[in-house]
N, C-alpha and C. Protein backbone atom coordinates (compact mmCIF):
# COMPACT_ATOMS: atom_id res chain seq x y z
N MET A 1 237.77 171.14 100.56
CA MET A 1 237.85 170.22 101.84
C MET A 1 238.28 168.83 101.51
N THR A 2 237.66 168.37 100.49
CA THR A 2 237.95 166.98 100.14
C THR A 2 239.43 166.88 99.54
N PHE A 3 239.67 167.90 98.83
CA PHE A 3 240.98 167.94 98.23
C PHE A 3 242.15 167.92 99.36
N SER A 4 241.91 168.64 100.38
CA SER A 4 242.96 168.61 101.51
C SER A 4 243.06 167.37 102.29
N LYS A 5 241.94 166.74 102.47
CA LYS A 5 241.98 165.37 102.99
C LYS A 5 242.62 164.40 102.24
N ARG A 6 242.60 164.39 100.95
CA ARG A 6 243.25 163.41 100.20
C ARG A 6 244.74 163.75 100.14
N LYS A 7 245.12 165.05 100.18
CA LYS A 7 246.43 165.32 100.17
C LYS A 7 247.14 164.92 101.54
N GLN A 8 246.40 165.00 102.60
CA GLN A 8 246.83 164.44 104.00
C GLN A 8 247.15 162.96 103.83
N GLY A 9 246.19 162.20 103.36
CA GLY A 9 246.18 160.81 103.09
C GLY A 9 247.40 160.40 102.28
N GLN A 10 247.74 161.09 101.30
CA GLN A 10 248.74 160.76 100.34
C GLN A 10 250.01 161.01 101.01
N SER A 11 250.17 162.05 101.82
CA SER A 11 251.37 162.44 102.38
C SER A 11 251.76 161.37 103.55
N ARG A 12 250.77 160.77 104.20
CA ARG A 12 250.97 159.79 105.16
C ARG A 12 251.58 158.54 104.46
N GLN A 13 251.14 158.15 103.32
CA GLN A 13 251.65 156.88 102.61
C GLN A 13 253.02 157.20 102.17
N GLN A 14 253.28 158.47 101.86
CA GLN A 14 254.70 158.73 101.33
C GLN A 14 255.66 158.86 102.55
N ALA A 15 255.25 158.94 103.77
CA ALA A 15 256.08 159.06 104.93
C ALA A 15 256.97 157.88 104.99
N LEU A 16 256.58 156.73 104.75
CA LEU A 16 257.42 155.56 104.63
C LEU A 16 257.46 155.10 103.27
N PRO A 17 258.64 155.13 102.59
CA PRO A 17 258.80 154.66 101.26
C PRO A 17 258.52 153.23 101.13
N GLN A 18 258.06 152.74 100.03
CA GLN A 18 257.76 151.42 99.79
C GLN A 18 258.77 150.40 100.12
N PRO A 19 260.01 150.63 99.87
CA PRO A 19 261.04 149.59 100.23
C PRO A 19 261.25 149.44 101.80
N THR A 20 261.09 150.57 102.46
CA THR A 20 261.08 150.37 103.94
C THR A 20 260.03 149.45 104.54
N ARG A 21 258.75 149.74 104.05
CA ARG A 21 257.69 148.96 104.62
C ARG A 21 257.95 147.37 104.26
N ALA A 22 258.53 147.22 103.01
CA ALA A 22 258.68 145.89 102.62
C ALA A 22 259.79 145.21 103.64
N ARG A 23 260.84 146.02 103.98
CA ARG A 23 261.91 145.54 104.81
C ARG A 23 261.38 145.11 106.18
N PHE A 24 260.57 146.00 106.77
CA PHE A 24 259.85 145.57 107.98
C PHE A 24 258.97 144.36 107.94
N SER A 25 258.23 144.20 106.90
CA SER A 25 257.42 142.91 106.68
C SER A 25 258.21 141.82 106.46
N PHE A 26 259.55 141.92 105.76
CA PHE A 26 260.38 140.77 105.53
C PHE A 26 260.95 140.36 106.85
N ALA A 27 261.39 141.38 107.69
CA ALA A 27 262.15 141.20 108.94
C ALA A 27 261.11 140.49 109.97
N TRP A 28 259.87 140.89 109.88
CA TRP A 28 258.77 140.24 110.76
C TRP A 28 258.65 138.82 110.34
N ARG A 29 258.70 138.52 109.09
CA ARG A 29 258.48 137.12 108.70
C ARG A 29 259.62 136.28 109.06
N ILE A 30 260.83 136.85 108.92
CA ILE A 30 262.08 136.04 109.24
C ILE A 30 262.08 135.74 110.79
N SER A 31 261.69 136.73 111.59
CA SER A 31 261.67 136.44 113.04
C SER A 31 260.56 135.44 113.41
N LEU A 32 259.51 135.54 112.72
CA LEU A 32 258.36 134.53 112.99
C LEU A 32 258.91 133.14 112.60
N VAL A 33 259.53 133.06 111.53
CA VAL A 33 260.07 131.68 111.17
C VAL A 33 261.15 131.13 112.12
N LEU A 34 261.95 132.09 112.60
CA LEU A 34 263.01 131.63 113.61
C LEU A 34 262.40 131.13 114.77
N CYS A 35 261.33 131.92 115.37
CA CYS A 35 260.58 131.49 116.56
C CYS A 35 259.90 130.20 116.38
N ALA A 36 259.36 129.97 115.27
CA ALA A 36 258.76 128.60 114.94
C ALA A 36 259.79 127.47 114.94
N VAL A 37 260.91 127.78 114.43
CA VAL A 37 261.92 126.76 114.42
C VAL A 37 262.49 126.45 115.86
N ALA A 38 262.56 127.53 116.64
CA ALA A 38 263.03 127.33 117.92
C ALA A 38 262.01 126.47 118.74
N VAL A 39 260.90 126.77 118.57
CA VAL A 39 259.74 126.05 119.40
C VAL A 39 259.82 124.65 118.83
N CYS A 40 259.93 124.26 117.53
CA CYS A 40 259.93 122.94 117.03
C CYS A 40 261.12 122.29 117.63
N GLY A 41 262.32 122.96 117.64
CA GLY A 41 263.37 122.36 118.19
C GLY A 41 263.40 121.95 119.71
N LEU A 42 262.76 122.92 120.43
CA LEU A 42 262.49 122.52 121.83
C LEU A 42 261.51 121.34 122.05
N LEU A 43 260.52 121.23 121.20
CA LEU A 43 259.61 120.19 121.30
C LEU A 43 260.23 118.80 120.88
N VAL A 44 261.10 118.96 119.93
CA VAL A 44 261.87 117.59 119.51
C VAL A 44 262.75 117.22 120.51
N SER A 45 263.36 118.13 121.14
CA SER A 45 264.49 117.66 122.32
C SER A 45 263.75 117.21 123.54
N CYS A 46 262.50 117.68 123.82
CA CYS A 46 261.75 117.00 124.90
C CYS A 46 261.25 115.66 124.60
N GLY A 47 261.01 115.36 123.35
CA GLY A 47 260.60 114.15 122.94
C GLY A 47 259.93 113.15 123.94
N SER A 48 259.43 112.05 123.36
CA SER A 48 258.84 111.10 124.30
C SER A 48 259.76 109.98 124.51
N LYS A 49 260.58 110.14 125.49
CA LYS A 49 261.56 109.03 125.91
C LYS A 49 260.66 108.09 126.68
N THR A 50 260.93 106.74 126.52
CA THR A 50 260.17 105.80 127.22
C THR A 50 260.77 105.37 128.50
N GLU A 51 260.86 106.21 129.51
CA GLU A 51 261.34 105.72 130.81
C GLU A 51 260.24 105.36 131.65
N PRO A 52 260.47 104.42 132.52
CA PRO A 52 259.31 104.02 133.32
C PRO A 52 258.83 105.03 134.32
N THR A 53 257.74 104.97 134.69
CA THR A 53 257.01 105.84 135.71
C THR A 53 257.63 105.60 137.02
N PRO A 54 258.07 106.67 137.70
CA PRO A 54 258.72 106.49 139.00
C PRO A 54 257.63 106.09 139.98
N PRO A 55 257.99 105.51 141.09
CA PRO A 55 257.07 105.07 142.10
C PRO A 55 256.38 106.37 142.77
N PRO A 56 255.23 106.16 143.14
CA PRO A 56 254.62 107.37 143.78
C PRO A 56 255.38 107.67 145.13
N PRO A 57 255.46 108.97 145.49
CA PRO A 57 256.24 109.43 146.55
C PRO A 57 255.66 108.78 147.95
N ALA A 58 256.55 108.47 148.79
CA ALA A 58 255.97 107.96 150.12
C ALA A 58 255.37 109.15 150.91
N PRO A 59 254.32 108.81 151.57
CA PRO A 59 253.66 109.88 152.41
C PRO A 59 254.62 110.27 153.50
N GLU A 60 254.65 111.61 153.75
CA GLU A 60 255.50 112.12 154.89
C GLU A 60 254.71 112.08 156.14
N THR A 61 255.39 111.52 157.23
CA THR A 61 254.65 111.48 158.49
C THR A 61 255.93 111.78 159.47
N ASN A 62 255.52 112.10 160.64
CA ASN A 62 256.54 112.34 161.71
C ASN A 62 256.84 110.94 162.37
N ALA A 63 256.08 110.04 162.24
CA ALA A 63 256.30 108.69 162.87
C ALA A 63 257.48 107.96 162.21
N ALA A 64 258.18 107.13 162.86
CA ALA A 64 259.32 106.38 162.17
C ALA A 64 258.62 105.29 161.57
N PRO A 65 259.03 104.80 160.35
CA PRO A 65 258.46 103.66 159.66
C PRO A 65 258.77 102.36 160.49
N SER A 66 257.82 101.51 160.52
CA SER A 66 258.02 100.26 161.18
C SER A 66 258.20 99.20 160.11
N ALA A 67 258.75 98.20 160.50
CA ALA A 67 259.00 97.02 159.54
C ALA A 67 257.67 96.39 159.04
N SER A 68 256.54 96.36 159.91
CA SER A 68 255.32 95.89 159.55
C SER A 68 254.59 96.86 158.65
N ALA A 69 255.05 98.02 158.51
CA ALA A 69 254.31 99.04 157.77
C ALA A 69 254.45 98.78 156.30
N GLY A 70 255.40 98.03 155.81
CA GLY A 70 255.56 97.66 154.54
C GLY A 70 254.67 96.63 153.95
N SER A 71 254.48 96.67 152.62
CA SER A 71 253.44 95.63 152.10
C SER A 71 254.13 94.24 152.12
N PRO A 72 253.31 93.24 152.55
CA PRO A 72 253.88 91.86 152.50
C PRO A 72 254.15 91.50 151.10
N GLU A 73 253.37 92.03 150.11
CA GLU A 73 253.67 91.75 148.61
C GLU A 73 255.04 92.22 148.29
N LEU A 74 255.31 93.34 148.75
CA LEU A 74 256.71 93.90 148.38
C LEU A 74 257.81 93.01 149.09
N ALA A 75 257.53 92.56 150.23
CA ALA A 75 258.63 91.65 151.02
C ALA A 75 258.89 90.46 150.16
N LYS A 76 257.98 89.98 149.38
CA LYS A 76 258.21 88.88 148.64
C LYS A 76 259.24 89.00 147.58
N LEU A 77 259.63 90.11 147.23
CA LEU A 77 260.68 90.52 146.15
C LEU A 77 262.18 90.13 146.69
N ALA A 78 262.25 90.12 148.04
CA ALA A 78 263.62 89.95 148.56
C ALA A 78 264.17 88.49 148.10
N GLY A 79 265.42 88.45 147.70
CA GLY A 79 266.01 87.26 147.24
C GLY A 79 266.94 87.50 146.00
N LYS A 80 267.34 86.36 145.42
CA LYS A 80 268.27 86.43 144.20
C LYS A 80 267.40 85.97 143.02
N TRP A 81 267.56 86.74 141.96
CA TRP A 81 266.92 86.48 140.86
C TRP A 81 267.71 86.47 139.66
N GLU A 82 267.54 85.50 138.69
CA GLU A 82 268.48 85.23 137.55
C GLU A 82 267.73 85.28 136.25
N ARG A 83 268.43 85.90 135.23
CA ARG A 83 267.87 85.92 133.88
C ARG A 83 268.46 84.63 133.21
N PRO A 84 267.59 83.75 132.82
CA PRO A 84 268.03 82.46 132.21
C PRO A 84 268.84 82.69 130.89
N ASP A 85 268.55 83.84 130.27
CA ASP A 85 269.17 84.12 128.99
C ASP A 85 270.66 84.58 128.92
N GLY A 86 271.24 84.74 130.19
CA GLY A 86 272.64 85.12 130.22
C GLY A 86 273.24 85.19 131.56
N GLY A 87 272.54 84.74 132.54
CA GLY A 87 273.27 84.67 133.83
C GLY A 87 273.24 85.94 134.62
N TYR A 88 272.49 87.04 134.13
CA TYR A 88 272.52 88.20 134.90
C TYR A 88 271.75 88.02 136.28
N VAL A 89 272.18 88.56 137.28
CA VAL A 89 271.64 88.34 138.61
C VAL A 89 271.31 89.62 139.25
N VAL A 90 270.07 89.53 139.82
CA VAL A 90 269.57 90.81 140.64
C VAL A 90 269.32 90.16 142.03
N GLU A 91 270.04 90.78 142.96
CA GLU A 91 269.86 90.36 144.40
C GLU A 91 269.13 91.57 145.12
N ILE A 92 267.93 91.30 145.57
CA ILE A 92 267.19 92.21 146.31
C ILE A 92 267.37 91.82 147.81
N LYS A 93 268.24 92.72 148.41
CA LYS A 93 268.61 92.34 149.70
C LYS A 93 267.58 92.90 150.78
N SER A 94 266.91 93.87 150.47
CA SER A 94 265.85 94.34 151.38
C SER A 94 264.84 95.36 150.78
N VAL A 95 263.75 95.45 151.38
CA VAL A 95 262.73 96.38 150.90
C VAL A 95 262.24 97.06 152.06
N ASP A 96 262.45 98.58 151.99
CA ASP A 96 261.87 99.22 153.13
C ASP A 96 260.37 99.69 152.97
N PRO A 97 259.83 100.07 154.01
CA PRO A 97 258.36 100.27 153.91
C PRO A 97 257.98 101.37 152.81
N SER A 98 258.87 102.28 152.50
CA SER A 98 258.49 103.25 151.41
C SER A 98 258.68 102.70 149.99
N GLY A 99 259.28 101.42 149.86
CA GLY A 99 259.37 100.73 148.63
C GLY A 99 260.83 100.80 148.12
N LYS A 100 261.69 101.57 148.84
CA LYS A 100 263.01 101.66 148.38
C LYS A 100 263.76 100.32 148.44
N LEU A 101 264.37 99.84 147.44
CA LEU A 101 265.09 98.54 147.39
C LEU A 101 266.66 98.64 147.59
N ASP A 102 267.16 97.69 148.39
CA ASP A 102 268.68 97.64 148.36
C ASP A 102 268.96 96.46 147.41
N VAL A 103 269.57 96.82 146.38
CA VAL A 103 269.77 95.95 145.30
C VAL A 103 271.23 95.80 144.86
N ALA A 104 271.66 94.69 144.54
CA ALA A 104 272.84 94.31 143.95
C ALA A 104 272.56 93.81 142.58
N TYR A 105 273.42 94.07 141.47
CA TYR A 105 273.36 93.46 140.21
C TYR A 105 274.69 92.98 139.75
N TYR A 106 274.61 91.76 139.07
CA TYR A 106 275.89 91.04 138.71
C TYR A 106 275.74 90.66 137.30
N ASN A 107 276.89 90.88 136.46
CA ASN A 107 276.96 90.33 135.15
C ASN A 107 278.32 90.02 134.71
N PRO A 108 278.95 89.01 135.21
CA PRO A 108 278.81 88.33 136.44
C PRO A 108 279.36 89.18 137.55
N ASN A 109 280.25 90.17 137.18
CA ASN A 109 280.74 91.15 138.28
C ASN A 109 279.82 92.24 138.60
N PRO A 110 280.04 92.77 139.80
CA PRO A 110 279.02 93.65 140.22
C PRO A 110 278.92 94.99 139.36
N ILE A 111 277.75 95.46 139.19
CA ILE A 111 277.45 96.64 138.31
C ILE A 111 276.70 97.61 139.23
N ASN A 112 277.08 98.85 139.28
CA ASN A 112 276.41 99.93 140.15
C ASN A 112 274.98 100.06 139.85
N VAL A 113 274.16 99.90 140.94
CA VAL A 113 272.80 100.27 140.85
C VAL A 113 272.49 101.65 141.46
N SER A 114 272.02 102.50 140.59
CA SER A 114 271.95 103.90 141.03
C SER A 114 270.57 104.15 141.68
N ARG A 115 269.47 103.55 141.38
CA ARG A 115 268.35 103.65 142.06
C ARG A 115 267.54 102.38 141.88
N ALA A 116 266.69 101.97 142.78
CA ALA A 116 265.76 100.83 142.65
C ALA A 116 264.59 101.02 143.71
N ALA A 117 263.42 100.73 143.18
CA ALA A 117 262.20 101.01 143.86
C ALA A 117 261.15 99.96 143.61
N ALA A 118 260.30 99.68 144.39
CA ALA A 118 259.11 98.82 144.23
C ALA A 118 257.84 99.50 144.72
N TRP A 119 256.73 99.20 144.08
CA TRP A 119 255.44 99.69 144.60
C TRP A 119 254.32 98.88 144.13
N ARG A 120 253.13 99.00 144.73
CA ARG A 120 251.90 98.31 144.21
C ARG A 120 251.19 99.21 143.35
N ASP A 121 250.63 98.79 142.29
CA ASP A 121 249.72 99.55 141.45
C ASP A 121 248.57 98.65 140.92
N LYS A 122 247.37 98.90 141.33
CA LYS A 122 246.17 98.18 140.77
C LYS A 122 246.38 96.72 141.03
N GLY A 123 246.94 96.26 142.24
CA GLY A 123 247.02 94.86 142.56
C GLY A 123 248.32 94.29 141.93
N THR A 124 249.13 95.03 141.30
CA THR A 124 250.41 94.46 140.67
C THR A 124 251.64 94.95 141.37
N THR A 125 252.63 94.25 141.58
CA THR A 125 253.83 94.62 142.23
C THR A 125 254.89 95.08 140.98
N LYS A 126 255.30 96.29 141.22
CA LYS A 126 256.17 96.79 140.11
C LYS A 126 257.40 97.17 140.63
N VAL A 127 258.49 97.02 139.78
CA VAL A 127 259.95 97.13 140.28
C VAL A 127 260.62 98.12 139.16
N VAL A 128 261.38 98.98 139.54
CA VAL A 128 262.31 99.67 138.49
C VAL A 128 263.73 99.63 139.21
N ILE A 129 264.75 99.27 138.37
CA ILE A 129 266.14 99.21 138.66
C ILE A 129 266.94 99.93 137.62
N GLU A 130 267.61 100.93 138.10
CA GLU A 130 268.46 101.61 137.18
C GLU A 130 269.86 101.44 137.47
N LEU A 131 270.70 101.14 136.32
CA LEU A 131 272.10 100.77 136.35
C LEU A 131 272.92 101.90 135.84
N ARG A 132 273.89 102.27 136.52
CA ARG A 132 274.84 103.48 136.09
C ARG A 132 276.33 103.03 136.29
N ASP A 133 276.99 102.55 135.24
CA ASP A 133 278.27 102.07 135.36
C ASP A 133 278.80 102.08 133.98
N VAL A 134 280.02 101.64 133.92
CA VAL A 134 280.80 101.54 132.68
C VAL A 134 280.03 100.61 131.74
N ASN A 135 279.75 101.01 130.54
CA ASN A 135 278.87 100.27 129.61
C ASN A 135 277.36 100.21 130.06
N TYR A 136 277.00 100.73 131.13
CA TYR A 136 275.60 100.74 131.59
C TYR A 136 275.24 102.25 131.95
N PRO A 137 275.13 103.14 131.00
CA PRO A 137 274.82 104.47 131.19
C PRO A 137 273.32 104.77 131.40
N GLY A 138 272.78 104.31 132.51
CA GLY A 138 271.25 104.62 132.66
C GLY A 138 270.39 103.48 132.13
N CYS A 139 270.89 102.29 132.11
CA CYS A 139 270.15 101.17 131.72
C CYS A 139 269.02 101.05 132.75
N ILE A 140 267.79 100.58 132.34
CA ILE A 140 266.64 100.49 133.14
C ILE A 140 265.92 99.14 133.01
N TYR A 141 265.78 98.43 134.13
CA TYR A 141 264.79 97.34 134.25
C TYR A 141 263.43 97.80 134.78
N THR A 142 262.40 97.57 133.99
CA THR A 142 261.00 97.85 134.40
C THR A 142 260.28 96.47 134.48
N LEU A 143 260.01 96.14 135.73
CA LEU A 143 259.64 94.69 135.90
C LEU A 143 258.29 94.66 136.70
N GLU A 144 257.57 93.54 136.61
CA GLU A 144 256.32 93.29 137.36
C GLU A 144 256.65 91.87 138.00
N TYR A 145 256.11 91.77 139.11
CA TYR A 145 256.24 90.34 139.96
C TYR A 145 254.93 89.56 139.65
N ASN A 146 255.25 88.29 139.16
CA ASN A 146 254.11 87.26 138.91
C ASN A 146 254.18 86.26 140.19
N SER A 147 253.27 86.42 141.12
CA SER A 147 253.47 85.59 142.26
C SER A 147 253.14 84.00 142.02
N GLN A 148 252.32 83.82 140.90
CA GLN A 148 251.95 82.35 140.59
C GLN A 148 253.18 81.74 140.08
N SER A 149 254.00 82.39 139.15
CA SER A 149 255.10 81.72 138.65
C SER A 149 256.44 82.03 139.41
N ASP A 150 256.21 82.98 140.40
CA ASP A 150 257.42 83.44 141.12
C ASP A 150 258.52 83.98 140.29
N GLN A 151 258.18 84.86 139.34
CA GLN A 151 259.07 85.44 138.35
C GLN A 151 258.84 87.03 138.29
N LEU A 152 259.98 87.61 137.85
CA LEU A 152 260.03 88.95 137.60
C LEU A 152 260.00 89.06 136.08
N PHE A 153 259.08 89.80 135.38
CA PHE A 153 259.17 89.88 133.92
C PHE A 153 258.89 91.28 133.46
N GLY A 154 259.44 91.62 132.36
CA GLY A 154 259.17 93.09 131.94
C GLY A 154 260.23 93.51 130.93
N GLN A 155 260.72 94.69 131.01
CA GLN A 155 261.62 95.18 129.81
C GLN A 155 262.93 95.70 130.42
N TYR A 156 263.82 95.47 129.60
CA TYR A 156 265.27 96.02 129.91
C TYR A 156 265.63 97.07 128.84
N PHE A 157 265.89 98.30 129.26
CA PHE A 157 266.20 99.28 128.21
C PHE A 157 267.74 99.44 128.22
N GLN A 158 268.37 99.04 127.11
CA GLN A 158 269.86 99.11 127.03
C GLN A 158 270.08 100.64 126.50
N ALA A 159 270.58 101.44 127.42
CA ALA A 159 270.76 102.84 127.17
C ALA A 159 271.81 103.03 126.06
N ALA A 160 272.83 102.35 125.99
CA ALA A 160 273.94 102.59 125.00
C ALA A 160 273.55 102.32 123.56
N SER A 161 272.68 101.43 123.31
CA SER A 161 272.24 101.01 122.03
C SER A 161 270.78 101.59 121.74
N GLN A 162 270.20 102.20 122.82
CA GLN A 162 268.79 102.61 122.70
C GLN A 162 267.78 101.55 122.23
N GLN A 163 268.04 100.38 122.78
CA GLN A 163 267.12 99.28 122.49
C GLN A 163 266.40 98.77 123.74
N THR A 164 265.21 98.19 123.62
CA THR A 164 264.54 97.71 124.70
C THR A 164 264.31 96.20 124.45
N PHE A 165 264.48 95.36 125.44
CA PHE A 165 264.32 93.90 125.38
C PHE A 165 263.30 93.38 126.36
N GLU A 166 262.57 92.32 126.09
CA GLU A 166 261.75 91.53 126.97
C GLU A 166 262.60 90.68 127.80
N VAL A 167 262.43 90.72 129.11
CA VAL A 167 263.31 89.90 130.09
C VAL A 167 262.34 89.23 130.98
N VAL A 168 262.99 88.14 131.52
CA VAL A 168 262.30 87.38 132.70
C VAL A 168 263.53 87.00 133.73
N PHE A 169 263.15 87.08 134.99
CA PHE A 169 264.07 86.76 136.00
C PHE A 169 263.40 85.67 136.86
N ALA A 170 264.03 84.47 137.07
CA ALA A 170 263.49 83.53 137.88
C ALA A 170 264.20 83.48 139.29
N ARG A 171 263.51 83.14 140.31
CA ARG A 171 264.02 83.19 141.66
C ARG A 171 265.12 82.12 141.70
N LEU A 172 266.36 82.29 142.18
CA LEU A 172 267.27 81.28 142.60
C LEU A 172 266.88 80.74 143.96
N LYS A 173 266.95 79.37 144.05
CA LYS A 173 266.59 78.62 145.16
C LYS A 173 267.80 78.56 146.06
């Protein structure tokens, strides 16, 4: 009886010759490595891009927004602002109650503003302005309003060169 059991065990091992088992093992390893490389590539492409946090979404209601529904702090943003280091001008024409800004940007000619928004966060007024035009492929201003100095300060991300600069805008009188 023992002899027949051994013979069956030996015949199972001989069913797959040694080189075939090695090939399956090698193919398994290669596919595992390729999957790992694909996952790493996906993680790297998602990377940690430093874009500003978008403003929180406006609450949806059936009532039409009224002019008084907006924050008086956000209303203070309206006006013309100039960067003293180069004459760049941001003109905030209006602020709607949801925080959407109507903005023009000049350097010294008009540059297309693709989006602009303002919101309050922990007692601070924050502003994001995105530029999309020739030589401005998604450049972003991420600013905060300082009511004591009546200035907008923060960072400017220059998309073409992938550089970020500290900036200040002073209100034009």
